[in-house]
Amino acid sequence: MHGTSTFQENPHRCNFFKISLGIIALTVISFTVQTLEASGYPNHPVQLIVPYGAGSGADLVARAIQPHAEKNLGAQLIIGNVPGADTRIGMTRVFKAAPDGYTIGLNSIPAPIIQEYLFDVPYKSLDFTFIYAWASNFPLIFVAENSWKSFDDFIAEARKRPLTMGLPGFGTVVHLLGLVLEKHMNVKFKYVPYPGSAQGFTALAGNHIDAGIGSADAALGLIRAKKVRPILNWSLHPDPEFPDVPLSKKYNLPTIAITRGVFGPLGIPAERAGILEKAFLKAAANPKVAEWAKATGQDLTFLDAKQYRQEAEKQRMLVGEYKDLLKTP
């Protein structure tokens, strides 16, 4: 009968049409849900993985900014310490997390770059979404208060005999800095490993070793007690606390800063990465963070996502020059 519809004439085409409509409807619904979810991000807590133990320098950096970033995000920012294997366990967890913006980590370059060169890790140090960096430690060389008065005197002695240098383990940033000194200043050190920087500086204060390298915050108590004293600053500018300490550039030493910021797994949507970046940028500008930085000897560094990645790329090239020496205690 000519008045009968095409669908009645071909039930298979009818079913196909219904299935197609269903698929289209599901696609539209899925797209709508994803759009709403993106516009409402974050709508549940964000985890910040710190690949160091509680109370470490990196942990303190994370906890100093956490309440301010949390307020800007409008969602809980939960810090989870995942120490072990010189950051590799925590770094791997961030790398393997879903790239949805709900799992991020605290990066402390160049430490993970060194780990990449020394160990078989499932990631490369640049295979992440860089979000924002706000804190830098420019390491210093310390000696005991009653020892050499200047870096020149220290180097002159080191050229006569191998001096002992404390470090928190081989294959660390401190080890890298020692190797840089050896290469550029034509000296050799006897490295003495300790469980952490604090133990090394305590040994230095007791004259058990000749020198130590680390950040001012790790030695702050001993500095104020006039037990240890810095003789060289690996910084681009003088430290207000130690204005007379010479800078590394005076001796043509490459600048190596410990730069700390947040990063996430590769592939976080640009919108969500941008929300995170703005939250930490605003938090870093909070006066309370500036007060904390001054009290703990931190330098505030304001690096957006692009600048943060560029710094990581620069440090990776530098570490690459020493990768073979880092493998030899």
Protein backbone atom coordinates (compact mmCIF):
# COMPACT_ATOMS: atom_id res chain seq x y z
CA MET A 1 0.00 0.00 0.00
CA HIS A 2 1.55 3.27 -1.17
CA GLY A 3 0.54 5.20 1.97
CA THR A 4 2.59 2.92 4.28
CA SER A 5 5.75 4.56 5.69
CA THR A 6 9.21 3.45 4.65
CA PHE A 7 9.96 2.32 8.22
CA GLN A 8 6.98 0.01 8.21
CA GLU A 9 8.17 -1.41 4.92
CA ASN A 10 11.73 -2.00 6.26
CA PRO A 11 11.83 -2.79 9.97
CA HIS A 12 15.65 -3.22 9.83
CA ARG A 13 16.07 0.37 8.67
CA CYS A 14 13.68 1.44 11.41
CA ASN A 15 15.75 -0.31 14.06
CA PHE A 16 18.94 1.15 12.62
CA PHE A 17 17.45 4.63 12.79
CA LYS A 18 16.39 4.11 16.42
CA ILE A 19 19.87 2.81 17.32
CA SER A 20 21.48 5.80 15.58
CA LEU A 21 19.26 8.20 17.49
CA GLY A 22 20.20 6.43 20.70
CA ILE A 23 23.90 6.72 19.98
CA ILE A 24 23.52 10.40 19.14
CA ALA A 25 21.54 10.98 22.33
CA LEU A 26 24.15 9.20 24.45
CA THR A 27 26.92 11.20 22.77
CA VAL A 28 25.13 14.46 23.47
CA ILE A 29 24.50 13.45 27.10
CA SER A 30 28.13 12.35 27.54
CA PHE A 31 29.39 15.60 26.03
CA THR A 32 27.05 17.61 28.25
CA VAL A 33 28.16 15.77 31.40
CA GLN A 34 31.83 16.24 30.50
CA THR A 35 31.28 19.92 29.80
CA LEU A 36 29.45 20.43 33.09
CA GLU A 37 32.14 18.51 34.94
CA ALA A 38 34.89 20.57 33.32
CA SER A 39 33.16 23.84 34.11
CA GLY A 40 32.70 22.70 37.72
CA TYR A 41 36.28 21.54 38.23
CA PRO A 42 37.32 20.79 40.87
CA ASN A 43 34.18 19.32 42.40
CA HIS A 44 35.95 16.93 44.80
CA PRO A 45 39.31 16.89 46.63
CA VAL A 46 42.59 17.18 44.75
CA GLN A 47 45.48 15.05 45.99
CA LEU A 48 48.95 16.57 46.14
CA ILE A 49 51.60 13.86 46.27
CA VAL A 50 54.86 14.84 47.95
CA PRO A 51 57.55 12.26 47.03
CA TYR A 52 59.43 12.98 50.27
CA GLY A 53 58.83 12.22 53.92
CA ALA A 54 56.85 14.37 56.33
CA GLY A 55 58.94 17.21 57.72
CA SER A 56 61.32 17.30 54.74
CA GLY A 57 62.09 20.57 52.99
CA ALA A 58 59.78 19.71 50.10
CA ASP A 59 57.01 18.73 52.50
CA LEU A 60 57.28 22.06 54.32
CA VAL A 61 57.08 23.91 50.99
CA ALA A 62 53.88 22.04 50.12
CA ARG A 63 52.26 22.62 53.51
CA ALA A 64 53.11 26.33 53.49
CA ILE A 65 51.14 26.95 50.31
CA GLN A 66 48.44 24.28 50.74
CA PRO A 67 45.80 26.32 52.65
CA HIS A 68 46.06 29.25 50.25
CA ALA A 69 45.93 27.13 47.09
CA GLU A 70 43.04 25.16 48.58
CA LYS A 71 41.05 28.34 49.15
CA ASN A 72 41.67 29.47 45.57
CA LEU A 73 40.64 26.10 44.16
CA GLY A 74 37.45 25.96 46.19
CA ALA A 75 38.14 22.31 46.98
CA GLN A 76 40.23 20.34 49.43
CA LEU A 77 43.91 19.96 48.58
CA ILE A 78 45.05 16.83 50.40
CA ILE A 79 48.78 16.32 50.87
CA GLY A 80 49.98 12.72 50.72
CA ASN A 81 53.59 11.90 51.52
CA VAL A 82 54.88 9.08 49.30
CA PRO A 83 58.61 8.83 50.11
CA GLY A 84 61.00 6.13 49.03
CA ALA A 85 63.61 5.27 46.41
CA ASP A 86 64.84 8.88 46.24
CA THR A 87 61.45 10.21 44.98
CA ARG A 88 60.94 7.48 42.36
CA ILE A 89 57.91 5.91 44.07
CA GLY A 90 56.03 9.20 44.37
CA MET A 91 57.05 10.37 40.90
CA THR A 92 55.82 7.10 39.39
CA ARG A 93 52.49 7.43 41.15
CA VAL A 94 51.98 10.91 39.70
CA PHE A 95 53.07 9.72 36.26
CA LYS A 96 50.56 6.84 36.26
CA ALA A 97 47.64 8.82 37.71
CA ALA A 98 44.59 9.63 35.59
CA PRO A 99 45.18 12.97 33.81
CA ASP A 100 42.00 14.51 35.20
CA GLY A 101 43.56 17.17 37.41
CA TYR A 102 42.65 15.40 40.65
CA THR A 103 46.13 13.97 41.27
CA ILE A 104 49.13 16.29 41.14
CA GLY A 105 52.54 16.21 42.75
CA LEU A 106 55.30 18.39 44.15
CA ASN A 107 58.28 18.42 41.83
CA SER A 108 61.72 19.37 43.16
CA ILE A 109 64.04 19.63 40.18
CA PRO A 110 66.75 18.66 39.43
CA ALA A 111 66.31 15.65 41.79
CA PRO A 112 63.94 13.67 39.48
CA ILE A 113 66.14 14.51 36.51
CA ILE A 114 69.09 12.87 38.26
CA GLN A 115 66.92 9.85 39.07
CA GLU A 116 65.99 9.53 35.41
CA TYR A 117 69.64 9.31 34.39
CA LEU A 118 70.67 6.92 37.16
CA PHE A 119 67.79 4.45 37.31
CA ASP A 120 65.37 2.55 35.13
CA VAL A 121 62.22 4.60 35.73
CA PRO A 122 58.96 4.38 33.74
CA TYR A 123 58.95 8.11 33.03
CA LYS A 124 61.13 10.87 31.67
CA SER A 125 61.44 14.01 33.77
CA LEU A 126 59.75 16.10 31.07
CA ASP A 127 56.85 13.66 30.55
CA PHE A 128 54.54 15.61 32.86
CA THR A 129 52.15 18.56 32.84
CA PHE A 130 54.08 21.42 34.43
CA ILE A 131 51.71 23.67 36.36
CA TYR A 132 53.44 26.28 38.53
CA ALA A 133 56.66 26.73 40.55
CA TRP A 134 56.99 29.19 43.40
CA ALA A 135 59.93 28.20 45.62
CA SER A 136 63.62 27.92 44.93
CA ASN A 137 66.51 26.93 47.12
CA PHE A 138 69.84 28.14 45.89
CA PRO A 139 72.33 25.84 47.61
CA LEU A 140 75.29 27.15 49.55
CA ILE A 141 78.61 25.65 50.63
CA PHE A 142 78.99 25.65 54.39
CA VAL A 143 82.01 25.22 56.62
CA ALA A 144 82.33 25.19 60.39
CA GLU A 145 82.40 28.61 62.03
CA ASN A 146 85.95 28.12 63.25
CA SER A 147 87.41 27.05 59.88
CA TRP A 148 88.18 28.77 56.56
CA LYS A 149 87.13 32.39 56.35
CA SER A 150 86.48 32.46 52.60
CA PHE A 151 85.72 30.26 49.60
CA ASP A 152 89.12 31.12 48.13
CA ASP A 153 90.84 29.83 51.27
CA PHE A 154 88.72 26.68 51.17
CA ILE A 155 89.58 25.95 47.52
CA ALA A 156 93.26 26.65 48.12
CA GLU A 157 93.26 23.99 50.85
CA ALA A 158 91.24 21.58 48.69
CA ARG A 159 93.94 21.79 46.01
CA LYS A 160 96.50 20.62 48.55
CA ARG A 161 94.54 17.64 49.89
CA PRO A 162 91.14 15.99 49.39
CA LEU A 163 88.69 17.56 51.83
CA THR A 164 85.69 15.69 53.22
CA MET A 165 82.30 16.77 51.90
CA GLY A 166 79.06 15.67 53.58
CA LEU A 167 76.13 14.76 51.37
CA PRO A 168 72.71 13.09 51.80
CA GLY A 169 73.57 10.16 49.56
CA PHE A 170 75.21 9.56 46.21
CA GLY A 171 73.27 10.52 43.11
CA THR A 172 71.70 13.52 44.89
CA VAL A 173 71.66 17.20 43.99
CA VAL A 174 74.40 17.78 46.57
CA HIS A 175 76.52 15.10 44.93
CA LEU A 176 75.97 16.82 41.58
CA LEU A 177 77.10 20.16 43.02
CA GLY A 178 80.22 18.56 44.46
CA LEU A 179 81.07 17.13 41.04
CA VAL A 180 80.55 20.54 39.46
CA LEU A 181 82.99 22.03 41.96
CA GLU A 182 85.55 19.30 41.29
CA LYS A 183 85.40 19.82 37.54
CA HIS A 184 85.47 23.62 37.49
CA MET A 185 87.81 24.28 40.43
CA ASN A 186 90.25 21.39 39.85
CA VAL A 187 89.77 19.79 43.27
CA LYS A 188 88.72 16.40 44.65
CA PHE A 189 86.53 15.60 47.65
CA LYS A 190 86.07 12.59 49.87
CA TYR A 191 82.30 12.23 50.09
CA VAL A 192 80.73 11.21 53.37
CA PRO A 193 77.04 10.17 53.04
CA TYR A 194 74.46 10.90 55.74
CA PRO A 195 70.75 10.00 56.00
CA GLY A 196 69.83 13.62 55.32
CA SER A 197 71.13 17.18 55.08
CA ALA A 198 70.38 17.93 58.73
CA GLN A 199 72.63 15.09 59.95
CA GLY A 200 75.40 16.24 57.63
CA PHE A 201 75.27 19.80 58.92
CA THR A 202 75.31 18.54 62.50
CA ALA A 203 78.48 16.59 61.70
CA LEU A 204 79.94 19.72 60.12
CA ALA A 205 79.19 21.79 63.22
CA GLY A 206 81.08 19.18 65.25
CA ASN A 207 84.09 19.37 62.88
CA HIS A 208 83.67 15.75 61.79
CA ILE A 209 83.78 16.78 58.11
CA ASP A 210 85.29 19.75 56.29
CA ALA A 211 82.30 21.08 54.37
CA GLY A 212 78.69 20.53 53.42
CA ILE A 213 76.40 21.68 50.62
CA GLY A 214 72.72 22.38 51.04
CA SER A 215 69.99 24.95 51.35
CA ALA A 216 69.91 27.61 54.03
CA ASP A 217 66.66 26.28 55.50
CA ALA A 218 68.30 22.93 56.32
CA ALA A 219 71.11 24.67 58.23
CA LEU A 220 69.17 27.63 59.61
CA GLY A 221 69.35 26.64 63.28
CA LEU A 222 73.10 26.01 63.13
CA ILE A 223 73.67 29.25 61.21
CA ARG A 224 71.84 31.26 63.85
CA ALA A 225 73.73 29.43 66.58
CA LYS A 226 76.98 30.42 64.80
CA LYS A 227 78.06 26.80 64.35
CA VAL A 228 78.28 26.78 60.55
CA ARG A 229 78.83 29.52 58.00
CA PRO A 230 78.22 29.80 54.21
CA ILE A 231 81.18 30.61 51.96
CA LEU A 232 79.59 30.33 48.48
CA ASN A 233 76.07 30.95 47.20
CA TRP A 234 74.79 29.17 44.06
CA SER A 235 72.37 31.98 43.35
CA LEU A 236 71.74 34.57 40.68
CA HIS A 237 71.58 37.32 43.28
CA PRO A 238 72.93 37.95 46.80
CA ASP A 239 71.00 36.48 49.70
CA PRO A 240 69.76 39.25 52.04
CA GLU A 241 70.75 37.03 54.98
CA PHE A 242 74.30 36.58 53.61
CA PRO A 243 75.00 39.65 51.47
CA ASP A 244 78.79 39.24 51.62
CA VAL A 245 78.88 35.60 50.52
CA PRO A 246 80.20 35.44 46.92
CA LEU A 247 78.00 34.12 44.13
CA SER A 248 78.85 31.08 42.02
CA LYS A 249 78.98 33.18 38.84
CA LYS A 250 82.08 34.94 40.20
CA TYR A 251 83.89 31.62 39.65
CA ASN A 252 82.08 30.77 36.38
CA LEU A 253 80.20 27.93 38.05
CA PRO A 254 76.88 26.93 36.44
CA THR A 255 73.85 27.95 38.48
CA ILE A 256 71.92 24.99 39.85
CA ALA A 257 68.77 25.87 41.75
CA ILE A 258 66.45 23.47 43.54
CA THR A 259 63.13 24.60 42.07
CA ARG A 260 59.91 23.39 43.66
CA GLY A 261 56.46 23.52 42.14
CA VAL A 262 53.44 21.42 41.21
CA PHE A 263 53.08 19.17 38.20
CA GLY A 264 50.77 16.39 37.08
CA PRO A 265 50.50 13.46 34.68
CA LEU A 266 50.82 14.27 31.01
CA GLY A 267 47.51 15.07 29.32
CA ILE A 268 45.65 17.11 31.95
CA PRO A 269 43.09 19.16 29.98
CA ALA A 270 44.32 22.69 29.36
CA GLU A 271 41.30 24.20 31.13
CA ARG A 272 41.97 22.27 34.32
CA ALA A 273 45.73 22.84 34.20
CA GLY A 274 44.98 26.54 33.84
CA ILE A 275 42.71 26.50 36.90
CA LEU A 276 45.44 24.82 38.93
CA GLU A 277 48.07 27.23 37.65
CA LYS A 278 46.00 30.28 38.63
CA ALA A 279 45.24 28.82 42.07
CA PHE A 280 48.92 28.32 42.89
CA LEU A 281 49.97 31.61 41.28
CA LYS A 282 47.54 33.50 43.49
CA ALA A 283 48.60 31.46 46.54
CA ALA A 284 52.29 32.20 45.94
CA ALA A 285 51.50 35.92 45.91
CA ASN A 286 49.82 35.70 49.33
CA PRO A 287 51.69 37.83 51.93
CA LYS A 288 51.63 34.93 54.38
CA VAL A 289 53.63 32.82 51.93
CA ALA A 290 56.15 35.66 51.64
CA GLU A 291 56.43 35.76 55.45
CA TRP A 292 57.00 32.01 55.53
CA ALA A 293 59.68 32.24 52.83
CA LYS A 294 61.57 34.95 54.71
CA ALA A 295 61.40 33.01 57.98
CA THR A 296 62.68 29.79 56.42
CA GLY A 297 65.30 31.14 54.03
CA GLN A 298 63.34 30.30 50.88
CA ASP A 299 63.49 32.28 47.65
CA LEU A 300 60.11 32.83 46.03
CA THR A 301 60.26 32.07 42.32
CA PHE A 302 57.23 32.81 40.19
CA LEU A 303 57.36 30.50 37.18
CA ASP A 304 54.27 29.90 35.10
CA ALA A 305 53.74 26.58 33.34
CA LYS A 306 55.84 27.51 30.31
CA GLN A 307 58.70 28.97 32.34
CA TYR A 308 58.63 26.00 34.71
CA ARG A 309 59.06 23.56 31.83
CA GLN A 310 61.86 25.67 30.35
CA GLU A 311 63.70 25.57 33.68
CA ALA A 312 63.32 21.78 33.79
CA GLU A 313 64.68 21.51 30.25
CA LYS A 314 67.69 23.66 31.16
CA GLN A 315 68.43 21.61 34.27
CA ARG A 316 68.09 18.36 32.33
CA MET A 317 70.77 19.45 29.88
CA LEU A 318 73.08 20.44 32.72
CA VAL A 319 72.61 17.20 34.65
CA GLY A 320 73.25 15.28 31.43
CA GLU A 321 76.81 16.62 31.37
CA TYR A 322 77.53 14.87 34.68
CA LYS A 323 75.41 11.73 34.42
CA ASP A 324 78.37 9.37 34.11
CA LEU A 325 80.19 10.86 37.11
CA LEU A 326 77.02 10.68 39.21
CA LYS A 327 77.05 6.90 38.86
CA THR A 328 80.47 6.62 40.51
CA PRO A 329 80.62 7.20 44.30
